[in-house]
């Protein structure tokens, strides 16, 4: 069984308002806040003997520019998640991270 566990997109909106280019190499702040998803890592560890588990870190994808921070954020994320051909997909969420 293949399981993909997905982080939630905790966004730092300040670069949006001050005009910084998130892809610039001049020290611009990333749009997505980074942290270790301890809950997802705990779930992955609990099932590692019975399933192949991948973590899809949407924050890392946003900061790398591989998932666009625009109206197609969720569509592009879904395409990248499904490209791994998972049997089960799990989502980490907080009340302020998924609309």
Protein backbone atom coordinates (compact mmCIF):
# COMPACT_ATOMS: atom_id res chain seq x y z
CA UNK A 1 0.00 0.00 0.00
CA UNK A 2 1.24 3.49 -0.88
CA UNK A 3 0.29 6.34 1.44
CA UNK A 4 0.93 10.04 0.80
CA UNK A 5 0.64 12.35 3.80
CA UNK A 6 0.34 16.05 2.99
CA UNK A 7 1.31 19.08 5.03
CA UNK A 8 -0.90 22.15 5.12
CA UNK A 9 0.07 25.44 3.45
CA UNK A 10 0.89 27.81 6.31
CA UNK A 11 1.53 30.99 4.37
CA UNK A 12 3.45 34.09 5.34
CA UNK A 13 1.63 36.78 3.43
CA UNK A 14 4.04 39.64 4.22
CA UNK A 15 6.12 39.16 1.00
CA UNK A 16 2.89 39.51 -0.97
CA UNK A 17 2.32 42.97 0.43
CA UNK A 18 5.82 44.41 0.24
CA UNK A 19 6.51 43.40 -3.37
CA UNK A 20 9.39 41.01 -2.77
CA UNK A 21 10.07 38.36 -5.40
CA UNK A 22 9.95 34.98 -3.69
CA UNK A 23 12.25 33.47 -6.34
CA UNK A 24 14.89 36.18 -6.06
CA UNK A 25 18.24 35.11 -4.70
CA UNK A 26 18.58 38.33 -2.72
CA UNK A 27 17.30 36.93 0.56
CA UNK A 28 13.59 37.37 -0.11
CA UNK A 29 11.43 35.66 2.46
CA UNK A 30 9.66 32.45 1.44
CA UNK A 31 5.88 32.53 1.29
CA UNK A 32 5.34 29.31 3.20
CA UNK A 33 6.37 28.90 6.82
CA UNK A 34 8.53 25.85 7.37
CA UNK A 35 8.35 23.47 10.32
CA UNK A 36 8.53 19.74 10.95
CA UNK A 37 5.07 18.13 10.70
CA UNK A 38 5.41 15.98 13.86
CA UNK A 39 1.89 14.54 13.55
CA UNK A 40 2.46 13.35 9.99
CA UNK A 41 5.91 12.02 10.85
CA UNK A 42 4.38 10.08 13.76
CA UNK A 43 1.74 8.59 11.47
CA UNK A 44 4.39 7.66 8.91
CA UNK A 45 6.47 5.94 11.57
CA UNK A 46 3.43 4.02 12.85
CA UNK A 47 2.66 2.45 9.44
CA UNK A 48 6.15 2.19 7.92
CA UNK A 49 6.22 -1.61 8.33
CA UNK A 50 2.98 -2.16 6.41
CA UNK A 51 3.01 0.66 3.85
CA UNK A 52 5.24 2.83 1.69
CA UNK A 53 4.78 6.33 3.06
CA UNK A 54 5.66 9.63 1.41
CA UNK A 55 5.35 13.10 2.86
CA UNK A 56 4.18 15.76 0.39
CA UNK A 57 5.38 19.03 1.90
CA UNK A 58 3.31 21.68 0.16
CA UNK A 59 5.24 24.43 1.97
CA UNK A 60 8.50 23.21 0.44
CA UNK A 61 6.84 22.96 -3.00
CA UNK A 62 5.52 26.54 -2.74
CA UNK A 63 8.87 27.93 -1.64
CA UNK A 64 10.65 26.06 -4.45
CA UNK A 65 8.15 27.40 -6.99
CA UNK A 66 7.06 23.91 -8.13
CA UNK A 67 3.52 24.60 -6.94
CA UNK A 68 2.25 28.06 -7.92
CA UNK A 69 1.00 30.42 -5.26
CA UNK A 70 -2.06 31.47 -7.24
CA UNK A 71 -5.64 30.39 -7.89
CA UNK A 72 -4.46 26.98 -9.06
CA UNK A 73 -2.57 26.16 -5.83
CA UNK A 74 -4.88 23.30 -4.85
CA UNK A 75 -5.29 21.93 -8.39
CA UNK A 76 -1.53 21.83 -8.99
CA UNK A 77 -0.99 20.32 -5.54
CA UNK A 78 -3.55 17.60 -6.26
CA UNK A 79 -1.84 16.78 -9.56
CA UNK A 80 1.56 16.44 -7.86
CA UNK A 81 0.10 14.31 -5.06
CA UNK A 82 -1.75 12.00 -7.45
CA UNK A 83 1.34 11.66 -9.67
CA UNK A 84 2.81 9.44 -6.92
CA UNK A 85 -0.10 7.01 -7.47
CA UNK A 86 -1.09 6.72 -3.79
CA UNK A 87 -3.67 4.28 -2.48
CA UNK A 88 -4.42 6.56 0.47
CA UNK A 89 -3.94 10.31 0.90
CA UNK A 90 -3.99 12.01 4.29
CA UNK A 91 -4.02 15.74 4.98
CA UNK A 92 -2.71 17.68 7.93
CA UNK A 93 -4.79 20.77 8.52
CA UNK A 94 -5.46 23.59 10.91
CA UNK A 95 -8.47 25.82 10.82
CA UNK A 96 -6.48 28.61 9.15
CA UNK A 97 -4.60 26.59 6.53
CA UNK A 98 -7.18 25.04 4.22
CA UNK A 99 -10.18 26.97 3.00
